[in-house]
Protein backbone atom coordinates (compact mmCIF):
# COMPACT_ATOMS: atom_id res chain seq x y z
CA MET A 1 115.13 153.93 101.94
CA ARG A 2 114.30 157.61 101.47
CA ALA A 3 113.98 158.56 97.80
CA ILE A 4 116.55 161.35 98.24
CA GLN A 5 119.09 159.24 100.17
CA GLY A 6 122.61 160.10 99.02
CA LEU A 7 121.56 162.81 96.55
CA LEU A 8 123.65 165.97 96.24
CA PRO A 9 123.57 168.73 97.20
CA GLU A 10 122.28 167.15 100.39
CA HIS A 11 120.75 170.27 101.91
CA LEU A 12 118.84 171.20 98.75
CA TRP A 13 117.27 167.72 98.52
CA ARG A 14 116.56 167.73 102.25
CA TYR A 15 114.66 170.98 101.89
CA PHE A 16 112.78 169.65 98.86
CA GLU A 17 111.72 166.63 100.91
CA GLU A 18 110.56 168.91 103.74
CA VAL A 19 108.66 171.19 101.36
CA SER A 20 107.01 168.09 99.83
CA GLN A 21 105.58 167.19 103.25
CA ILE A 22 103.60 170.44 103.32
CA PRO A 23 100.33 170.73 101.34
CA ARG A 24 100.60 173.84 99.19
CA GLU A 25 97.85 173.97 96.59
CA SER A 26 97.36 177.40 95.02
CA GLY A 27 95.40 179.63 97.37
CA LYS A 28 96.29 177.44 100.35
CA GLU A 29 99.86 178.56 101.05
CA ASP A 30 99.45 179.31 104.77
CA ARG A 31 101.38 176.25 105.96
CA ILE A 32 104.28 176.63 103.51
CA ARG A 33 104.48 180.35 104.36
CA ASP A 34 104.69 179.49 108.07
CA TYR A 35 107.47 177.02 107.27
CA LEU A 36 109.46 179.66 105.36
CA VAL A 37 109.06 182.24 108.12
CA ASN A 38 110.08 179.73 110.79
CA MET A 39 113.14 178.83 108.74
CA ALA A 40 114.13 182.50 108.45
CA ASP A 41 113.68 182.87 112.22
CA ARG A 42 115.81 179.79 112.89
CA LEU A 43 118.59 181.18 110.68
CA SER A 44 118.29 184.67 112.24
CA LEU A 45 117.45 186.24 108.88
CA GLU A 46 115.27 189.30 108.52
CA TYR A 47 112.00 188.72 106.66
CA ARG A 48 108.78 190.47 105.82
CA ILE A 49 105.36 189.50 104.45
CA ASP A 50 103.29 191.74 102.18
CA SER A 51 99.50 192.10 102.01
CA ALA A 52 99.26 189.35 99.39
CA GLY A 53 101.12 186.83 101.53
CA ASN A 54 104.40 186.90 99.61
CA VAL A 55 107.48 186.31 101.77
CA LEU A 56 110.79 188.18 101.37
CA VAL A 57 113.87 186.97 103.25
CA LEU A 58 116.94 189.24 103.39
CA LYS A 59 120.50 187.96 103.54
CA ASP A 60 123.59 190.16 103.65
CA GLY A 61 126.27 189.54 101.05
CA THR A 62 129.49 191.04 99.78
CA PRO A 63 129.64 194.63 101.09
CA GLY A 64 128.82 197.28 98.54
CA THR A 65 126.87 194.99 96.18
CA LYS A 66 123.43 195.87 94.90
CA PRO A 67 120.67 193.52 96.05
CA LEU A 68 119.90 190.52 93.84
CA ILE A 69 116.43 188.98 93.96
CA LEU A 70 116.12 185.18 93.82
CA GLN A 71 112.51 184.22 93.19
CA ALA A 72 110.33 181.09 93.26
CA HIS A 73 106.64 180.46 93.93
CA MET A 74 105.24 178.59 96.93
CA ASP A 75 102.27 176.85 95.32
CA MET A 76 102.03 173.77 93.11
CA VAL A 77 99.57 172.27 90.63
CA CYS A 78 97.68 169.44 92.36
CA GLU A 79 96.82 166.63 89.94
CA LYS A 80 96.52 162.90 90.60
CA ASP A 81 95.80 159.69 88.73
CA MET A 82 92.17 158.59 88.85
CA ASP A 83 93.00 155.54 90.97
CA THR A 84 95.27 157.41 93.41
CA LEU A 85 93.96 158.04 96.92
CA HIS A 86 95.46 161.38 97.91
CA ASP A 87 94.07 164.44 99.67
CA PHE A 88 96.06 167.50 98.62
CA ASN A 89 94.72 169.39 101.65
CA THR A 90 96.31 167.03 104.16
CA ASP A 91 98.61 164.44 102.58
CA PRO A 92 102.34 164.84 101.88
CA ILE A 93 103.71 164.19 98.41
CA ARG A 94 105.29 160.73 98.35
CA LEU A 95 108.68 160.94 96.63
CA VAL A 96 109.90 158.04 94.47
CA ARG A 97 113.34 157.50 92.92
CA ASP A 98 113.09 156.08 89.40
CA GLY A 99 116.57 155.67 87.93
CA LYS A 100 117.87 159.14 87.09
CA TRP A 101 114.60 160.79 88.10
CA ILE A 102 112.68 161.80 91.20
CA LYS A 103 108.90 161.61 90.74
CA ALA A 104 105.82 161.27 92.96
CA ASP A 105 103.58 158.30 93.67
CA GLY A 106 100.50 158.95 91.53
CA THR A 107 100.44 162.73 91.91
CA THR A 108 102.16 165.82 90.63
CA LEU A 109 105.63 166.11 92.15
CA GLY A 110 105.78 169.84 92.81
CA ALA A 111 109.32 170.21 91.47
CA ASP A 112 107.56 173.13 89.79
CA ASN A 113 108.50 175.16 91.84
CA GLY A 114 109.60 173.19 94.89
CA ILE A 115 113.15 172.72 93.62
CA GLY A 116 113.49 176.48 93.22
CA MET A 117 112.27 177.00 96.78
CA ALA A 118 114.63 174.30 98.06
CA ALA A 119 117.61 175.95 96.35
CA MET A 120 116.75 179.28 97.98
CA LEU A 121 116.36 177.62 101.39
CA ALA A 122 119.77 175.97 100.96
CA ILE A 123 121.28 179.37 100.12
CA MET A 124 119.64 180.83 103.22
CA GLU A 125 121.37 178.12 105.30
CA GLU A 126 124.81 178.33 103.66
CA THR A 127 127.39 180.47 105.45
CA SER A 128 130.37 179.93 103.12
CA LEU A 129 128.90 181.12 99.81
CA VAL A 130 130.11 184.24 98.04
CA HIS A 131 127.13 186.25 96.84
CA PRO A 132 125.74 189.78 96.60
CA SER A 133 123.15 191.01 99.05
CA LEU A 134 120.11 188.80 98.52
CA GLU A 135 116.36 189.30 98.57
CA LEU A 136 114.84 185.81 98.52
CA LEU A 137 111.29 186.21 97.24
CA PHE A 138 108.66 183.48 97.67
CA THR A 139 105.40 184.32 95.87
CA ILE A 140 101.85 182.96 96.12
CA GLU A 141 99.34 181.60 93.60
CA GLU A 142 101.57 181.53 90.54
CA GLU A 143 99.70 178.57 89.09
CA THR A 144 96.24 180.11 89.21
CA GLY A 145 96.78 183.67 88.06
CA LEU A 146 100.23 184.98 89.07
CA THR A 147 98.49 186.69 91.99
CA GLY A 148 101.55 187.19 94.16
CA ALA A 149 103.54 188.69 91.30
CA TYR A 150 100.70 191.08 90.43
CA MET A 151 100.58 192.39 94.00
CA LEU A 152 104.32 193.07 94.35
CA THR A 153 105.42 196.67 94.80
CA ASP A 154 108.80 198.40 94.70
CA SER A 155 108.35 199.25 98.37
CA PHE A 156 108.45 195.52 99.21
CA ILE A 157 111.41 194.55 97.03
CA THR A 158 114.26 196.96 96.34
CA GLY A 159 116.48 194.98 93.96
CA LYS A 160 116.47 195.66 90.22
CA THR A 161 118.13 192.38 89.20
CA LEU A 162 116.16 189.14 89.45
CA ILE A 163 116.85 185.45 88.86
CA ASN A 164 113.67 183.42 88.58
CA LEU A 165 114.16 179.72 89.45
CA ASP A 166 111.04 178.40 87.71
CA SER A 167 112.16 177.19 84.28
CA GLU A 168 112.62 173.56 83.34
CA ASP A 169 115.74 172.99 81.19
CA ASP A 170 119.06 173.07 83.02
CA ASP A 171 121.10 173.97 79.91
CA THR A 172 118.89 176.94 79.01
CA LEU A 173 118.52 180.53 80.16
CA TYR A 174 115.10 182.00 79.51
CA ILE A 175 114.82 185.71 78.81
CA GLY A 176 111.19 185.98 77.69
CA CYS A 177 107.85 184.20 77.90
CA ALA A 178 104.38 184.03 76.44
CA GLY A 179 101.43 185.96 77.78
CA GLY A 180 97.99 184.46 78.12
CA ARG A 181 94.26 184.66 78.74
CA ASP A 182 91.48 182.34 79.91
CA THR A 183 88.30 182.18 77.82
CA ASP A 184 85.38 180.37 79.45
CA ILE A 185 82.08 179.35 77.86
CA THR A 186 78.78 178.67 79.65
CA MET A 187 75.72 177.27 77.85
CA ASP A 188 72.24 176.89 79.35
CA LEU A 189 70.75 173.41 79.04
CA ALA A 190 67.23 172.03 78.81
CA LEU A 191 66.77 168.79 80.74
CA SER A 192 64.20 166.01 80.82
CA ASN A 193 63.59 162.71 82.56
CA PRO A 194 65.33 159.64 81.12
CA ILE A 195 63.23 157.54 78.76
CA GLN A 196 61.80 154.43 80.35
CA GLY A 197 63.70 151.29 79.42
CA HIS A 198 67.05 153.06 79.08
CA VAL A 199 69.91 152.24 81.48
CA PRO A 200 72.86 154.41 82.58
CA ALA A 201 76.38 153.67 81.37
CA GLU A 202 79.69 155.51 81.66
CA ILE A 203 82.10 155.97 78.76
CA SER A 204 85.52 157.11 79.99
CA ILE A 205 88.92 157.79 78.48
CA THR A 206 92.06 157.43 80.60
CA GLY A 207 95.79 156.80 80.28
CA LEU A 208 96.72 160.01 78.48
CA LYS A 209 99.85 161.92 79.50
CA GLY A 210 98.31 165.37 79.77
CA GLY A 211 101.00 167.84 80.73
CA HIS A 212 101.65 171.56 80.80
CA SER A 213 99.41 173.42 78.37
CA GLY A 214 102.32 175.60 77.27
CA LEU A 215 105.47 173.51 77.50
CA ASP A 216 103.87 170.31 76.17
CA ILE A 217 101.29 171.70 73.74
CA HIS A 218 103.46 171.00 70.67
CA LYS A 219 104.04 167.31 71.45
CA GLY A 220 100.87 165.98 69.81
CA ARG A 221 99.45 164.53 73.01
CA GLY A 222 95.81 163.54 73.12
CA ASN A 223 93.22 165.85 74.63
CA ALA A 224 90.81 163.65 76.60
CA ILE A 225 87.85 165.97 76.06
CA LYS A 226 88.37 166.21 72.30
CA LEU A 227 88.94 162.45 71.90
CA LEU A 228 85.91 161.43 73.95
CA ASN A 229 83.77 163.98 72.15
CA ARG A 230 84.91 162.55 68.81
CA PHE A 231 83.77 159.10 69.86
CA MET A 232 80.44 160.39 71.16
CA LYS A 233 79.76 162.11 67.83
CA SER A 234 80.78 159.03 65.84
CA ILE A 235 78.22 156.72 67.48
CA LYS A 236 75.31 159.13 67.82
CA GLU A 237 73.40 157.87 64.78
CA SER A 238 74.27 154.16 64.95
CA ILE A 239 73.89 153.77 68.74
CA PRO A 240 71.39 156.38 69.98
CA TYR A 241 71.87 157.63 73.53
CA HIS A 242 70.77 160.43 75.83
CA LEU A 243 73.61 162.39 77.41
CA ALA A 244 73.37 162.95 81.16
CA THR A 245 76.79 164.46 81.87
CA LEU A 246 80.14 165.13 80.23
CA GLU A 247 83.22 166.14 82.18
CA GLY A 248 86.98 166.23 81.83
CA GLY A 249 90.08 168.16 82.80
CA THR A 250 90.76 170.01 86.03
CA LYS A 251 93.07 172.99 85.35
CA HIS A 252 93.23 175.80 82.79
CA ASN A 253 96.98 175.25 82.42
CA ALA A 254 96.97 171.46 82.02
CA ILE A 255 96.13 169.37 78.95
CA PRO A 256 93.17 167.18 80.05
CA ARG A 257 94.20 163.56 80.70
CA ASP A 258 90.83 162.04 81.60
CA ALA A 259 87.22 162.55 80.60
CA ARG A 260 83.93 160.74 81.12
CA ALA A 261 80.38 160.82 79.81
CA VAL A 262 77.33 159.23 81.42
CA VAL A 263 74.58 158.29 78.98
CA TYR A 264 71.23 156.54 79.08
CA ILE A 265 71.00 153.84 76.45
CA LYS A 266 68.76 150.90 75.56
CA GLU A 267 69.97 147.70 77.22
CA GLU A 268 69.90 145.93 73.85
CA ASN A 269 72.42 148.45 72.44
CA ILE A 270 75.06 147.78 75.11
CA PRO A 271 76.82 144.98 73.13
CA GLY A 272 77.07 147.25 70.10
CA LEU A 273 78.55 149.99 72.28
CA PHE A 274 81.20 147.57 73.58
CA ASP A 275 82.08 146.69 69.97
CA ALA A 276 82.31 150.37 68.99
CA ILE A 277 84.63 151.04 71.92
CA ASP A 278 86.89 148.13 70.92
CA GLN A 279 87.12 149.52 67.39
CA TRP A 280 87.80 153.02 68.70
CA ASN A 281 90.61 151.76 70.94
CA SER A 282 92.24 150.26 67.84
CA THR A 283 91.87 153.61 66.07
CA LEU A 284 93.43 155.49 68.99
CA SER A 285 96.32 153.02 69.15
CA GLN A 286 97.08 153.70 65.49
CA GLU A 287 96.66 157.47 65.59
CA LEU A 288 98.59 158.01 68.83
CA HIS A 289 101.22 155.27 68.46
CA GLY A 290 104.45 156.29 70.16
CA ILE A 291 102.79 159.34 71.71
CA GLU A 292 100.01 157.96 73.90
CA ASP A 293 100.63 154.22 74.24
CA PHE A 294 98.42 153.78 77.32
CA VAL A 295 95.25 155.54 76.18
CA SER A 296 92.10 153.53 76.82
CA LEU A 297 88.39 154.05 76.19
CA LYS A 298 86.20 152.03 78.55
CA LEU A 299 82.50 151.30 79.09
CA THR A 300 81.13 150.76 82.60
CA LYS A 301 77.53 149.61 83.17
CA ASP A 302 75.26 150.18 86.15
CA VAL A 303 76.86 153.43 87.29
CA PRO A 304 75.30 156.15 89.46
CA ALA A 305 73.75 158.64 87.08
CA PRO A 306 72.05 162.03 87.17
CA GLU A 307 68.27 161.92 87.37
CA LYS A 308 67.94 164.11 84.28
CA VAL A 309 69.26 163.93 80.72
CA ILE A 310 70.14 166.75 78.33
CA LEU A 311 67.69 167.31 75.48
CA PRO A 312 69.00 166.07 72.10
CA GLU A 313 69.27 169.54 70.55
CA ASP A 314 71.48 170.76 73.40
CA THR A 315 73.54 167.56 73.26
CA ASP A 316 74.16 168.31 69.58
CA LYS A 317 75.29 171.84 70.48
CA ILE A 318 77.73 170.51 73.09
CA LEU A 319 79.26 167.94 70.75
CA THR A 320 79.46 170.42 67.87
CA MET A 321 81.03 173.14 69.99
CA ILE A 322 83.74 170.85 71.38
CA SER A 323 84.38 169.52 67.89
CA ILE A 324 85.01 172.92 66.32
CA LEU A 325 86.82 174.59 69.22
CA PRO A 326 90.56 174.74 68.45
CA HIS A 327 93.15 172.99 70.58
CA GLY A 328 96.93 172.89 70.23
CA VAL A 329 99.54 174.92 68.37
CA VAL A 330 98.09 177.76 66.31
CA ASN A 331 101.40 178.87 64.82
CA LEU A 332 105.12 178.45 65.32
CA ASN A 333 108.33 180.01 64.02
CA GLU A 334 110.39 177.58 61.95
CA SER A 335 113.30 180.03 61.80
CA VAL A 336 113.71 180.01 65.60
CA ASP A 337 113.99 176.31 66.45
CA ASN A 338 110.29 175.71 65.69
CA MET A 339 109.39 177.89 68.66
CA VAL A 340 105.68 177.85 69.47
CA ILE A 341 104.31 181.36 69.02
CA THR A 342 100.60 180.90 69.73
CA SER A 343 98.52 178.05 71.18
CA THR A 344 95.18 177.30 72.78
CA ASN A 345 94.18 174.63 75.30
CA LEU A 346 90.67 173.20 75.59
CA ALA A 347 91.13 172.49 79.27
CA ILE A 348 87.97 171.67 81.25
CA CYS A 349 84.35 170.73 80.62
CA SER A 350 81.53 169.94 83.04
CA VAL A 351 77.77 169.82 83.44
CA GLU A 352 76.66 171.77 86.51
CA GLY A 353 72.92 171.68 87.04
CA THR A 354 71.34 173.24 83.97
CA ARG A 355 74.61 174.60 82.58
CA PHE A 356 77.42 173.20 80.46
CA LYS A 357 80.79 174.84 81.11
CA LEU A 358 83.98 174.89 79.06
CA ALA A 359 87.30 176.43 80.10
CA THR A 360 90.06 177.28 77.63
CA ASN A 361 93.43 179.05 77.78
CA GLN A 362 95.26 180.97 75.04
CA ARG A 363 99.00 181.78 75.01
CA SER A 364 101.23 183.82 72.70
CA VAL A 365 104.32 185.98 72.68
CA TYR A 366 102.13 188.57 70.91
CA SER A 367 99.14 190.20 72.60
CA SER A 368 97.53 190.61 69.17
CA SER A 369 97.58 186.84 68.65
CA ILE A 370 96.09 186.20 72.09
CA GLN A 371 93.30 188.59 71.13
CA ASP A 372 92.79 186.88 67.76
CA VAL A 373 92.57 183.31 69.07
CA SER A 374 90.52 184.20 72.13
CA ASP A 375 88.12 186.07 69.83
CA MET A 376 87.86 182.90 67.72
CA VAL A 377 86.92 180.88 70.81
CA LYS A 378 84.49 183.60 71.91
CA SER A 379 82.85 183.67 68.47
CA ILE A 380 82.29 179.92 68.52
CA GLY A 381 80.65 180.21 71.93
CA TRP A 382 78.40 183.03 70.75
CA VAL A 383 77.37 181.18 67.59
CA MET A 384 76.33 178.24 69.78
CA GLY A 385 74.19 180.56 71.92
CA ALA A 386 76.49 180.48 74.94
CA GLN A 387 77.82 183.15 77.29
CA VAL A 388 81.57 183.87 77.17
CA THR A 389 83.85 185.43 79.78
CA GLN A 390 87.53 186.30 79.41
CA HIS A 391 89.81 186.81 82.41
CA HIS A 392 93.22 186.17 84.01
CA ASP A 393 95.06 188.12 81.31
CA TYR A 394 98.79 188.17 81.93
CA PRO A 395 101.47 189.88 79.84
CA ALA A 396 104.31 188.48 77.80
CA TRP A 397 107.88 189.04 79.00
CA LYS A 398 109.74 190.70 76.16
CA PRO A 399 113.41 189.68 75.84
CA ASN A 400 116.32 192.05 76.45
CA PHE A 401 119.29 190.65 74.56
CA GLU A 402 121.51 193.46 75.92
CA SER A 403 120.79 192.52 79.54
CA GLU A 404 123.76 192.82 81.91
CA THR A 405 122.37 189.93 83.96
CA LEU A 406 122.25 187.79 80.83
CA ARG A 407 125.85 188.73 80.02
CA MET A 408 127.06 187.65 83.46
CA ALA A 409 124.91 184.50 83.37
CA LYS A 410 126.40 183.45 80.03
CA GLN A 411 129.91 184.20 81.29
CA ALA A 412 129.43 182.10 84.45
CA TYR A 413 127.93 179.19 82.51
CA GLU A 414 130.71 179.12 79.92
CA SER A 415 133.39 179.33 82.62
CA LEU A 416 131.82 176.37 84.43
CA TYR A 417 130.92 174.11 81.51
CA GLY A 418 133.16 175.26 78.66
CA LYS A 419 130.26 176.02 76.33
CA PRO A 420 127.59 178.71 76.13
CA PRO A 421 124.09 178.08 77.46
CA LEU A 422 121.07 178.05 75.21
CA VAL A 423 119.13 181.32 75.40
CA LYS A 424 115.41 181.07 74.65
CA LEU A 425 111.88 182.32 75.13
CA ILE A 426 109.48 179.92 76.88
CA HIS A 427 105.89 179.16 75.82
CA ALA A 428 104.54 179.47 79.33
CA GLY A 429 103.70 182.22 81.75
CA LEU A 430 106.48 183.27 84.10
CA GLU A 431 106.18 185.71 86.95
CA CYS A 432 108.99 187.73 85.36
CA ALA A 433 106.46 189.13 82.89
CA VAL A 434 104.21 190.54 85.60
CA ILE A 435 107.06 191.67 87.84
CA GLY A 436 108.66 193.49 84.90
CA GLN A 437 105.35 195.13 84.05
CA ASN A 438 104.69 196.33 87.60
CA ILE A 439 108.21 197.35 88.61
CA THR A 440 110.25 199.38 86.15
CA ASP A 441 113.84 198.73 85.05
CA MET A 442 113.98 195.10 86.21
CA ASP A 443 116.81 193.06 84.63
CA MET A 444 115.75 189.39 84.73
CA ILE A 445 116.60 185.87 83.63
CA SER A 446 115.04 182.50 84.46
CA LEU A 447 116.81 179.18 85.04
CA GLY A 448 116.10 175.82 86.64
CA PRO A 449 116.68 172.06 86.58
CA THR A 450 115.26 169.72 83.95
CA VAL A 451 111.63 168.99 84.81
CA GLU A 452 109.43 166.92 82.51
CA GLN A 453 105.63 166.67 82.30
CA ALA A 454 104.90 169.38 84.84
CA HIS A 455 101.24 169.82 85.83
CA SER A 456 100.62 166.06 85.49
CA PRO A 457 101.10 163.00 87.72
CA SER A 458 103.96 162.03 85.39
CA GLU A 459 105.96 165.09 86.50
CA ARG A 460 109.59 164.22 87.22
CA VAL A 461 112.89 166.02 87.83
CA ASP A 462 116.29 164.90 86.54
CA ILE A 463 118.52 164.26 89.57
CA ASP A 464 121.81 165.22 87.91
CA SER A 465 120.27 168.40 86.49
CA VAL A 466 119.53 169.59 90.03
CA THR A 467 123.23 169.23 90.88
CA ARG A 468 124.18 171.12 87.72
CA MET A 469 121.64 173.86 88.44
CA TRP A 470 123.01 174.26 91.97
CA ASP A 471 126.64 174.39 90.86
CA TYR A 472 125.75 176.93 88.19
CA LEU A 473 123.66 179.09 90.51
CA ILE A 474 126.48 179.23 93.06
CA ALA A 475 128.98 180.15 90.32
CA LEU A 476 126.62 182.84 89.04
CA LEU A 477 126.15 184.32 92.51
CA LYS A 478 129.93 184.52 92.87
CA THR A 479 130.21 186.26 89.49
CA MET A 480 127.50 188.74 90.45
CA ALA A 481 129.30 189.47 93.72
CA GLY A 482 132.21 190.71 91.62
CA THR A 483 134.69 188.06 92.71
């Protein structure tokens, strides 16, 4: 049976299933763009494509209404479990129904932002809805730098009111978001041949939840790179080894779930290493009980290994740098529902030839705090003799509590559900921030269904919340049409 069989609204879920069949990793949106254009053609709707590859579909509405922009992004974060065989360039996402949730089979689901796209496609198809004139905007490369949003111009879109469909709590309207920056560190390494009599072994950590580096950063989840590094430091004196490689994480905006180190070690020290790993697994079970119940450190012998090892002094620099680099919440506001204000994510590490690379991401609602924490990361890199680059800056979206769109959105929600929606700022980057920076006088809100653990293979969307989001969106469109 199809995972979406019997789910309502039928056309929204049908479109989500179709979108899920199309590979759409960031930077590879050609096929999903072709699908959107073909759909507009089939429905006899005018469309245009800008130089970035964003798609805008136009749909007439109630005569005399000002155009309303509905917006979602085409791309998705592509993450998979280590034991999952999946090629994101060619394979469809396999949908699975799990009780009240839809998830994927061992990969990210792409509900971020596939549900938003599906809702817009369903609106394109509907002929009985009451709505203002619509500009349905599908943007590119949101997940890797908000590229499509940065390249928008007011000659491409004409509306001044925008509803972004990329947030992840169905009872909440978002009216602001954090800004961010990537800070990357590169350190040159000295290498040598392995010592004779030493054998290669892999130490890996798996089973962590990972998650979105903004939305999940306050949940105390384990960082695979930090945890593996901690273990490697703890055994360095008692069980000497020579580090050949250390790698973990895949995306700036995801908390790393897996990491691995390959070392050369004396054969006679292997039993002691097994014992140390057993003890460390007990420690992790205690420290992360109820948070990361499936975390596991494992030793694998006789693995393929690099032909060179890193000199001990550079190994010490790597372990020290990872140890002192910050990760997690930097500060929060207790007076506003413990809202995260500033955070940093130690996201990716790798050995590439004679270089060790680290990627980090900082977020805050204040540009001054982004500067402060990214300077901290930069200073640590410099002290360790590394090169540091900072890039992919994106602005915060400052809230407008007097917004007319917010007023109508609250009115429609309360009329539908008999209670007001929550109104919040989100600790993640939304395209609203960039769109509002580039195009003046935009009045914006963001809404969406309930999505959990985005940017990880545990991503899932609440089925009933999709129905609620749809009902609310249709009610809001009717309100904004003045009827």
